[in-house]
């Protein structure tokens, strides 16, 4: 079993950047024209959803929960809003270079494998935002921004495990 941990410093820096983005957007909302108010409203919602994700990741880091756990049969991704355990047999490939440049997308062989799970209202709302901003499910992204391994080191490790 291989465990890849969160990087607490990266999470905190990201939280500060989200907070600053929200403050700038709120300033624009208060003092600018209608078009700026609309854009800043969306910006605040996105910044708040990322901030909430970072809080969840920071809590997992403090509890000692690994960001990624690579077992013989499964990959457990705790870097997302809702942790997701995926069987290696269900994974088709790992894709990089998409619009989320600091994330790795887990491409499944069959997208119907994603189950609808009961969650609380806040997570449903944030998932709704993610679904409407992103073309790919948020639960299938590995967030490289907050883990203590570089993408260049992680991709070969994941592909090697996938080929086994």
N, C-alpha and C. Protein backbone atom coordinates (compact mmCIF):
# COMPACT_ATOMS: atom_id res chain seq x y z
N UNK A 1 0.85 -1.18 0.00
CA UNK A 1 0.00 0.00 0.00
C UNK A 1 0.90 1.24 0.00
N UNK A 2 0.54 2.20 -0.85
CA UNK A 2 1.27 3.46 -0.95
C UNK A 2 0.33 4.58 -0.54
N UNK A 3 0.80 5.43 0.37
CA UNK A 3 0.01 6.59 0.79
C UNK A 3 0.73 7.87 0.39
N UNK A 4 0.01 8.76 -0.25
CA UNK A 4 0.53 10.06 -0.62
C UNK A 4 -0.24 11.09 0.18
N UNK A 5 0.48 11.86 0.97
CA UNK A 5 -0.16 12.76 1.93
C UNK A 5 -0.44 14.14 1.36
N UNK A 6 -1.27 14.88 2.07
CA UNK A 6 -1.53 16.27 1.75
C UNK A 6 -0.33 17.11 2.13
N UNK A 7 -0.17 18.26 1.49
CA UNK A 7 0.84 19.24 1.85
C UNK A 7 0.12 20.41 2.53
N UNK A 8 0.24 20.49 3.84
CA UNK A 8 -0.50 21.48 4.62
C UNK A 8 -0.18 22.91 4.17
N UNK A 9 1.04 23.19 3.86
CA UNK A 9 1.44 24.53 3.43
C UNK A 9 0.75 24.94 2.13
N UNK A 10 0.68 24.01 1.19
CA UNK A 10 0.01 24.30 -0.09
C UNK A 10 -1.48 24.56 0.11
N UNK A 11 -2.09 23.81 1.01
CA UNK A 11 -3.51 24.01 1.29
C UNK A 11 -3.75 25.39 1.88
N UNK A 12 -2.92 25.79 2.82
CA UNK A 12 -3.10 27.10 3.47
C UNK A 12 -2.87 28.24 2.48
N UNK A 13 -1.86 28.13 1.61
CA UNK A 13 -1.63 29.16 0.60
C UNK A 13 -2.84 29.26 -0.33
N UNK A 14 -3.39 28.14 -0.73
CA UNK A 14 -4.56 28.14 -1.59
C UNK A 14 -5.76 28.78 -0.90
N UNK A 15 -5.92 28.53 0.39
CA UNK A 15 -7.02 29.13 1.15
C UNK A 15 -6.87 30.65 1.21
N UNK A 16 -5.65 31.13 1.42
CA UNK A 16 -5.41 32.57 1.46
C UNK A 16 -5.73 33.19 0.10
N UNK A 17 -5.32 32.54 -0.98
CA UNK A 17 -5.61 33.06 -2.32
C UNK A 17 -7.11 33.09 -2.60
N UNK A 18 -7.83 32.07 -2.16
CA UNK A 18 -9.29 32.06 -2.32
C UNK A 18 -9.93 33.20 -1.54
N UNK A 19 -9.45 33.41 -0.34
CA UNK A 19 -9.99 34.49 0.49
C UNK A 19 -9.75 35.85 -0.17
N UNK A 20 -8.53 36.06 -0.68
CA UNK A 20 -8.23 37.33 -1.34
C UNK A 20 -9.07 37.52 -2.60
N UNK A 21 -9.27 36.45 -3.36
CA UNK A 21 -10.12 36.53 -4.55
C UNK A 21 -11.55 36.90 -4.16
N UNK A 22 -12.05 36.34 -3.09
CA UNK A 22 -13.41 36.65 -2.63
C UNK A 22 -13.50 38.11 -2.16
N UNK A 23 -12.48 38.60 -1.48
CA UNK A 23 -12.48 39.99 -1.02
C UNK A 23 -12.48 40.95 -2.22
N UNK A 24 -11.67 40.68 -3.22
CA UNK A 24 -11.64 41.52 -4.42
C UNK A 24 -12.98 41.48 -5.14
N UNK A 25 -13.56 40.29 -5.24
CA UNK A 25 -14.87 40.16 -5.89
C UNK A 25 -15.95 40.90 -5.11
N UNK A 26 -15.90 40.83 -3.78
CA UNK A 26 -16.88 41.56 -2.98
C UNK A 26 -16.72 43.07 -3.13
N UNK A 27 -15.49 43.54 -3.22
CA UNK A 27 -15.23 44.96 -3.47
C UNK A 27 -15.85 45.37 -4.81
N UNK A 28 -15.62 44.56 -5.85
CA UNK A 28 -16.20 44.85 -7.17
C UNK A 28 -17.72 44.84 -7.10
N UNK A 29 -18.25 43.94 -6.32
CA UNK A 29 -19.71 43.86 -6.21
C UNK A 29 -20.28 45.11 -5.55
N UNK A 30 -19.57 45.64 -4.58
CA UNK A 30 -20.06 46.81 -3.86
C UNK A 30 -19.89 48.12 -4.63
N UNK A 31 -18.82 48.23 -5.41
CA UNK A 31 -18.48 49.54 -5.97
C UNK A 31 -18.47 49.63 -7.50
N UNK A 32 -18.84 48.60 -8.18
CA UNK A 32 -18.79 48.62 -9.65
C UNK A 32 -20.18 48.50 -10.25
N UNK A 33 -20.23 48.49 -11.60
CA UNK A 33 -21.49 48.41 -12.35
C UNK A 33 -22.10 47.01 -12.27
N UNK A 34 -23.29 46.90 -12.85
CA UNK A 34 -24.06 45.66 -12.80
C UNK A 34 -23.30 44.46 -13.37
N UNK A 35 -22.63 44.65 -14.50
CA UNK A 35 -21.90 43.53 -15.12
C UNK A 35 -20.80 43.02 -14.19
N UNK A 36 -20.14 43.94 -13.48
CA UNK A 36 -19.13 43.54 -12.50
C UNK A 36 -19.78 42.82 -11.32
N UNK A 37 -20.97 43.26 -10.95
CA UNK A 37 -21.68 42.60 -9.84
C UNK A 37 -22.04 41.17 -10.19
N UNK A 38 -22.50 40.96 -11.41
CA UNK A 38 -22.83 39.60 -11.84
C UNK A 38 -21.58 38.71 -11.88
N UNK A 39 -20.53 39.22 -12.49
CA UNK A 39 -19.29 38.44 -12.59
C UNK A 39 -18.70 38.18 -11.21
N UNK A 40 -18.73 39.18 -10.34
CA UNK A 40 -18.14 38.99 -9.01
C UNK A 40 -18.97 38.03 -8.16
N UNK A 41 -20.28 37.98 -8.39
CA UNK A 41 -21.12 37.02 -7.67
C UNK A 41 -20.70 35.60 -8.02
N UNK A 42 -20.52 35.35 -9.29
CA UNK A 42 -20.06 34.02 -9.72
C UNK A 42 -18.67 33.74 -9.16
N UNK A 43 -17.80 34.74 -9.20
CA UNK A 43 -16.43 34.58 -8.70
C UNK A 43 -16.42 34.24 -7.22
N UNK A 44 -17.28 34.89 -6.43
CA UNK A 44 -17.36 34.61 -4.99
C UNK A 44 -17.84 33.18 -4.76
N UNK A 45 -18.83 32.74 -5.53
CA UNK A 45 -19.33 31.36 -5.38
C UNK A 45 -18.24 30.34 -5.69
N UNK A 46 -17.49 30.58 -6.76
CA UNK A 46 -16.40 29.65 -7.12
C UNK A 46 -15.32 29.68 -6.04
N UNK A 47 -14.92 30.87 -5.60
CA UNK A 47 -13.89 30.98 -4.56
C UNK A 47 -14.35 30.32 -3.27
N UNK A 48 -15.62 30.48 -2.93
CA UNK A 48 -16.15 29.86 -1.71
C UNK A 48 -16.17 28.34 -1.81
N UNK A 49 -16.51 27.82 -2.99
CA UNK A 49 -16.52 26.37 -3.13
C UNK A 49 -15.11 25.79 -3.06
N UNK A 50 -14.13 26.48 -3.64
CA UNK A 50 -12.74 26.02 -3.54
C UNK A 50 -12.26 26.14 -2.10
N UNK A 51 -12.62 27.23 -1.43
CA UNK A 51 -12.24 27.42 -0.03
C UNK A 51 -12.80 26.30 0.84
N UNK A 52 -14.06 25.94 0.61
CA UNK A 52 -14.68 24.86 1.37
C UNK A 52 -13.95 23.53 1.12
N UNK A 53 -13.59 23.28 -0.14
CA UNK A 53 -12.82 22.07 -0.46
C UNK A 53 -11.50 22.08 0.29
N UNK A 54 -10.83 23.22 0.33
CA UNK A 54 -9.54 23.31 1.03
C UNK A 54 -9.72 23.08 2.53
N UNK A 55 -10.81 23.55 3.11
CA UNK A 55 -11.07 23.28 4.53
C UNK A 55 -11.21 21.79 4.76
N UNK A 56 -11.95 21.11 3.88
CA UNK A 56 -12.11 19.66 3.99
C UNK A 56 -10.75 18.96 3.89
N UNK A 57 -9.93 19.40 2.94
CA UNK A 57 -8.61 18.80 2.78
C UNK A 57 -7.73 19.07 3.98
N UNK A 58 -7.79 20.27 4.54
CA UNK A 58 -7.00 20.60 5.73
C UNK A 58 -7.44 19.74 6.91
N UNK A 59 -8.73 19.53 7.08
CA UNK A 59 -9.22 18.66 8.16
C UNK A 59 -8.71 17.23 7.98
N UNK A 60 -8.73 16.74 6.75
CA UNK A 60 -8.22 15.38 6.50
C UNK A 60 -6.72 15.32 6.77
N UNK A 61 -6.00 16.37 6.40
CA UNK A 61 -4.56 16.42 6.66
C UNK A 61 -4.28 16.38 8.16
N UNK A 62 -5.02 17.15 8.93
CA UNK A 62 -4.84 17.18 10.39
C UNK A 62 -5.17 15.86 11.05
N UNK A 63 -6.12 15.12 10.46
CA UNK A 63 -6.49 13.81 10.99
C UNK A 63 -5.52 12.71 10.54
N UNK A 64 -4.58 13.05 9.67
CA UNK A 64 -3.62 12.06 9.19
C UNK A 64 -4.14 11.19 8.06
N UNK A 65 -5.20 11.61 7.42
CA UNK A 65 -5.76 10.86 6.29
C UNK A 65 -4.95 11.20 5.04
N UNK A 66 -4.52 10.19 4.33
CA UNK A 66 -3.72 10.39 3.11
C UNK A 66 -4.58 10.96 1.99
N UNK A 67 -3.98 11.78 1.13
CA UNK A 67 -4.68 12.34 -0.02
C UNK A 67 -5.00 11.24 -1.03
N UNK A 68 -4.04 10.37 -1.25
CA UNK A 68 -4.23 9.22 -2.15
C UNK A 68 -3.72 7.97 -1.45
N UNK A 69 -4.49 6.92 -1.56
CA UNK A 69 -4.06 5.62 -1.05
C UNK A 69 -4.14 4.64 -2.20
N UNK A 70 -2.99 4.08 -2.54
CA UNK A 70 -2.90 3.15 -3.66
C UNK A 70 -2.75 1.75 -3.08
N UNK A 71 -3.82 0.97 -3.21
CA UNK A 71 -3.82 -0.42 -2.75
C UNK A 71 -3.67 -1.35 -3.94
N UNK A 72 -3.62 -2.62 -3.66
CA UNK A 72 -3.54 -3.62 -4.72
C UNK A 72 -4.75 -3.57 -5.64
N UNK A 73 -5.94 -3.41 -5.07
CA UNK A 73 -7.18 -3.47 -5.85
C UNK A 73 -7.83 -2.13 -6.11
N UNK A 74 -7.54 -1.11 -5.29
CA UNK A 74 -8.26 0.15 -5.39
C UNK A 74 -7.35 1.37 -5.28
N UNK A 75 -7.88 2.47 -5.78
CA UNK A 75 -7.29 3.79 -5.61
C UNK A 75 -8.28 4.60 -4.80
N UNK A 76 -7.86 5.10 -3.65
CA UNK A 76 -8.73 5.92 -2.80
C UNK A 76 -8.27 7.36 -2.95
N UNK A 77 -9.14 8.21 -3.50
CA UNK A 77 -8.84 9.61 -3.74
C UNK A 77 -9.54 10.46 -2.68
N UNK A 78 -8.78 10.97 -1.73
CA UNK A 78 -9.32 11.84 -0.68
C UNK A 78 -9.09 13.32 -0.99
N UNK A 79 -8.56 13.64 -2.17
CA UNK A 79 -8.28 15.03 -2.50
C UNK A 79 -9.51 15.76 -3.05
N UNK A 80 -10.61 15.05 -3.21
CA UNK A 80 -11.84 15.65 -3.73
C UNK A 80 -12.80 15.97 -2.60
N UNK A 81 -13.88 16.66 -2.95
CA UNK A 81 -14.87 17.04 -1.94
C UNK A 81 -15.44 15.81 -1.26
N UNK A 82 -15.78 14.81 -2.04
CA UNK A 82 -16.26 13.55 -1.50
C UNK A 82 -15.22 12.47 -1.83
N UNK A 83 -14.58 11.88 -0.82
CA UNK A 83 -13.60 10.83 -1.11
C UNK A 83 -14.21 9.73 -1.98
N UNK A 84 -13.42 9.23 -2.90
CA UNK A 84 -13.92 8.24 -3.86
C UNK A 84 -12.92 7.10 -3.95
N UNK A 85 -13.43 5.89 -3.77
CA UNK A 85 -12.63 4.68 -3.93
C UNK A 85 -12.99 4.05 -5.27
N UNK A 86 -11.97 3.81 -6.10
CA UNK A 86 -12.19 3.29 -7.45
C UNK A 86 -11.36 2.03 -7.64
N UNK A 87 -12.00 1.01 -8.15
CA UNK A 87 -11.30 -0.24 -8.46
C UNK A 87 -10.36 -0.01 -9.65
N UNK A 88 -9.17 -0.59 -9.61
CA UNK A 88 -8.23 -0.45 -10.72
C UNK A 88 -8.82 -1.02 -12.01
N UNK A 89 -9.62 -2.06 -11.89
CA UNK A 89 -10.23 -2.68 -13.07
C UNK A 89 -11.20 -1.73 -13.77
N UNK A 90 -11.72 -0.72 -13.06
CA UNK A 90 -12.68 0.22 -13.63
C UNK A 90 -12.01 1.43 -14.29
N UNK A 91 -10.71 1.60 -14.07
CA UNK A 91 -9.99 2.77 -14.58
C UNK A 91 -9.45 2.47 -15.98
N UNK A 92 -9.73 3.38 -16.91
CA UNK A 92 -9.23 3.26 -18.27
C UNK A 92 -7.84 3.90 -18.39
N UNK A 93 -7.71 5.14 -17.92
CA UNK A 93 -6.43 5.85 -18.00
C UNK A 93 -6.45 7.07 -17.10
N UNK A 94 -5.30 7.72 -17.03
CA UNK A 94 -5.15 8.97 -16.30
C UNK A 94 -4.81 10.05 -17.32
N UNK A 95 -5.57 11.14 -17.30
CA UNK A 95 -5.43 12.16 -18.33
C UNK A 95 -4.94 13.46 -17.70
N UNK A 96 -3.92 14.05 -18.32
CA UNK A 96 -3.41 15.35 -17.88
C UNK A 96 -3.53 16.33 -19.04
N UNK A 97 -3.26 17.59 -18.75
CA UNK A 97 -3.26 18.59 -19.79
C UNK A 97 -4.63 19.09 -20.19
N UNK A 98 -5.65 18.79 -19.39
CA UNK A 98 -6.98 19.33 -19.66
C UNK A 98 -7.04 20.74 -19.07
N UNK A 99 -8.20 21.34 -19.02
CA UNK A 99 -8.32 22.72 -18.56
C UNK A 99 -7.94 22.91 -17.11
N UNK A 100 -8.00 21.87 -16.30
CA UNK A 100 -7.48 21.95 -14.93
C UNK A 100 -6.03 21.50 -15.00
N UNK A 101 -5.14 22.43 -15.21
CA UNK A 101 -3.75 22.07 -15.52
C UNK A 101 -3.00 21.47 -14.34
N UNK A 102 -3.48 21.65 -13.13
CA UNK A 102 -2.79 21.08 -11.98
C UNK A 102 -3.58 19.92 -11.38
N UNK A 103 -4.31 19.24 -12.21
CA UNK A 103 -5.08 18.08 -11.75
C UNK A 103 -4.95 16.95 -12.75
N UNK A 104 -5.16 15.75 -12.26
CA UNK A 104 -5.15 14.56 -13.10
C UNK A 104 -6.56 14.00 -13.12
N UNK A 105 -7.07 13.76 -14.32
CA UNK A 105 -8.42 13.22 -14.44
C UNK A 105 -8.35 11.70 -14.53
N UNK A 106 -9.18 11.02 -13.75
CA UNK A 106 -9.27 9.56 -13.78
C UNK A 106 -10.37 9.19 -14.77
N UNK A 107 -9.98 8.68 -15.92
CA UNK A 107 -10.94 8.30 -16.95
C UNK A 107 -11.38 6.86 -16.70
N UNK A 108 -12.69 6.69 -16.49
CA UNK A 108 -13.24 5.37 -16.22
C UNK A 108 -13.59 4.66 -17.53
N UNK A 109 -13.58 3.34 -17.48
CA UNK A 109 -13.98 2.55 -18.64
C UNK A 109 -15.47 2.73 -18.91
N UNK A 110 -16.25 2.86 -17.86
CA UNK A 110 -17.70 3.01 -17.98
C UNK A 110 -18.15 4.09 -17.00
N UNK A 111 -18.60 5.23 -17.53
CA UNK A 111 -18.99 6.35 -16.66
C UNK A 111 -20.24 6.07 -15.83
N UNK A 112 -20.98 5.03 -16.17
CA UNK A 112 -22.16 4.69 -15.36
C UNK A 112 -21.77 4.09 -14.01
N UNK A 113 -20.48 3.86 -13.80
CA UNK A 113 -20.02 3.33 -12.52
C UNK A 113 -20.12 4.36 -11.40
N UNK A 114 -20.27 5.64 -11.78
CA UNK A 114 -20.42 6.68 -10.76
C UNK A 114 -21.79 6.54 -10.11
N UNK A 115 -21.79 6.26 -8.84
CA UNK A 115 -23.04 6.08 -8.11
C UNK A 115 -23.48 7.40 -7.52
N UNK A 116 -24.76 7.58 -7.44
CA UNK A 116 -25.31 8.72 -6.71
C UNK A 116 -25.35 8.35 -5.24
N UNK A 117 -24.63 9.11 -4.45
CA UNK A 117 -24.58 8.83 -3.02
C UNK A 117 -25.29 9.95 -2.27
N UNK A 118 -25.88 9.59 -1.14
CA UNK A 118 -26.54 10.59 -0.33
C UNK A 118 -25.49 11.49 0.31
N UNK A 119 -25.72 12.80 0.20
CA UNK A 119 -24.82 13.77 0.80
C UNK A 119 -25.65 14.87 1.44
N UNK A 120 -24.96 15.72 2.19
CA UNK A 120 -25.70 16.83 2.80
C UNK A 120 -25.95 17.93 1.77
N UNK A 121 -26.76 18.90 2.12
CA UNK A 121 -27.19 19.93 1.17
C UNK A 121 -26.04 20.78 0.66
N UNK A 122 -25.10 21.13 1.53
CA UNK A 122 -23.98 21.97 1.11
C UNK A 122 -23.14 21.26 0.05
N UNK A 123 -22.83 20.00 0.28
CA UNK A 123 -22.04 19.25 -0.71
C UNK A 123 -22.83 19.08 -2.00
N UNK A 124 -24.13 18.88 -1.91
CA UNK A 124 -24.94 18.81 -3.14
C UNK A 124 -24.89 20.12 -3.90
N UNK A 125 -24.96 21.25 -3.18
CA UNK A 125 -24.90 22.56 -3.81
C UNK A 125 -23.55 22.78 -4.48
N UNK A 126 -22.46 22.47 -3.76
CA UNK A 126 -21.13 22.64 -4.33
C UNK A 126 -20.92 21.69 -5.51
N UNK A 127 -21.45 20.50 -5.43
CA UNK A 127 -21.37 19.56 -6.55
C UNK A 127 -22.16 20.09 -7.74
N UNK A 128 -23.28 20.75 -7.47
CA UNK A 128 -24.07 21.37 -8.54
C UNK A 128 -23.25 22.44 -9.25
N UNK A 129 -22.55 23.28 -8.48
CA UNK A 129 -21.69 24.31 -9.07
C UNK A 129 -20.61 23.64 -9.91
N UNK A 130 -19.97 22.62 -9.35
CA UNK A 130 -18.90 21.92 -10.06
C UNK A 130 -19.40 21.30 -11.36
N UNK A 131 -20.57 20.67 -11.32
CA UNK A 131 -21.13 20.05 -12.52
C UNK A 131 -21.41 21.07 -13.60
N UNK A 132 -21.80 22.28 -13.21
CA UNK A 132 -22.14 23.30 -14.19
C UNK A 132 -20.94 24.12 -14.64
N UNK A 133 -19.84 24.05 -13.91
CA UNK A 133 -18.62 24.74 -14.32
C UNK A 133 -17.70 23.77 -15.05
N UNK A 134 -17.75 22.52 -14.71
CA UNK A 134 -16.84 21.51 -15.24
C UNK A 134 -17.60 20.53 -16.13
N UNK A 135 -16.92 20.04 -17.16
CA UNK A 135 -17.53 19.04 -18.03
C UNK A 135 -17.26 17.62 -17.54
N UNK A 136 -16.41 17.49 -16.55
CA UNK A 136 -16.06 16.19 -16.03
C UNK A 136 -16.35 16.15 -14.53
N UNK A 137 -16.79 15.00 -14.01
CA UNK A 137 -17.17 14.90 -12.59
C UNK A 137 -16.02 15.26 -11.64
N UNK A 138 -16.33 16.09 -10.68
CA UNK A 138 -15.32 16.54 -9.72
C UNK A 138 -14.72 15.42 -8.90
N UNK A 139 -15.47 14.36 -8.68
CA UNK A 139 -14.97 13.26 -7.85
C UNK A 139 -13.89 12.44 -8.55
N UNK A 140 -13.65 12.70 -9.85
CA UNK A 140 -12.65 11.93 -10.59
C UNK A 140 -11.37 12.73 -10.87
N UNK A 141 -11.19 13.85 -10.18
CA UNK A 141 -9.99 14.64 -10.35
C UNK A 141 -9.07 14.39 -9.16
N UNK A 142 -7.78 14.19 -9.44
CA UNK A 142 -6.77 14.14 -8.38
C UNK A 142 -6.18 15.54 -8.31
N UNK A 143 -6.30 16.18 -7.17
CA UNK A 143 -5.87 17.57 -6.99
C UNK A 143 -4.38 17.62 -6.66
N UNK A 144 -3.57 17.87 -7.67
CA UNK A 144 -2.11 17.91 -7.51
C UNK A 144 -1.69 19.12 -6.68
N UNK A 145 -2.50 20.18 -6.66
CA UNK A 145 -2.16 21.41 -5.94
C UNK A 145 -1.88 21.20 -4.47
N UNK A 146 -2.47 20.19 -3.86
CA UNK A 146 -2.42 20.09 -2.40
C UNK A 146 -1.78 18.80 -1.89
N UNK A 147 -1.13 18.04 -2.76
CA UNK A 147 -0.48 16.82 -2.29
C UNK A 147 1.03 16.97 -2.40
N UNK A 148 1.75 16.14 -1.67
CA UNK A 148 3.20 16.32 -1.59
C UNK A 148 3.96 15.42 -2.58
N UNK A 149 3.47 15.36 -3.80
CA UNK A 149 4.17 14.68 -4.87
C UNK A 149 3.92 15.46 -6.15
N UNK A 150 4.92 15.49 -7.00
CA UNK A 150 4.78 16.21 -8.27
C UNK A 150 4.05 15.33 -9.29
N UNK A 151 3.39 15.98 -10.22
CA UNK A 151 2.66 15.27 -11.27
C UNK A 151 3.58 14.35 -12.06
N UNK A 152 4.79 14.80 -12.35
CA UNK A 152 5.75 13.99 -13.11
C UNK A 152 6.13 12.71 -12.39
N UNK A 153 6.03 12.71 -11.07
CA UNK A 153 6.34 11.51 -10.29
C UNK A 153 5.11 10.64 -10.07
N UNK A 154 3.95 11.26 -9.99
CA UNK A 154 2.72 10.53 -9.71
C UNK A 154 2.19 9.76 -10.93
N UNK A 155 2.24 10.37 -12.10
CA UNK A 155 1.69 9.72 -13.30
C UNK A 155 2.35 8.37 -13.58
N UNK A 156 3.68 8.26 -13.58
CA UNK A 156 4.28 6.93 -13.80
C UNK A 156 3.88 5.91 -12.74
N UNK A 157 3.77 6.36 -11.49
CA UNK A 157 3.37 5.47 -10.41
C UNK A 157 1.95 4.94 -10.65
N UNK A 158 1.02 5.83 -11.00
CA UNK A 158 -0.35 5.42 -11.27
C UNK A 158 -0.45 4.52 -12.50
N UNK A 159 0.25 4.88 -13.56
CA UNK A 159 0.21 4.05 -14.78
C UNK A 159 0.83 2.67 -14.55
N UNK A 160 1.88 2.61 -13.74
CA UNK A 160 2.48 1.31 -13.43
C UNK A 160 1.48 0.43 -12.67
N UNK A 161 0.79 1.02 -11.71
CA UNK A 161 -0.20 0.27 -10.94
C UNK A 161 -1.38 -0.15 -11.83
N UNK A 162 -1.74 0.71 -12.77
CA UNK A 162 -2.85 0.42 -13.68
C UNK A 162 -2.52 -0.76 -14.59
N UNK A 163 -1.27 -0.88 -15.01
CA UNK A 163 -0.87 -1.97 -15.91
C UNK A 163 -0.74 -3.32 -15.21
N UNK A 164 -0.62 -3.30 -13.89
CA UNK A 164 -0.44 -4.57 -13.15
C UNK A 164 -1.67 -5.43 -13.20
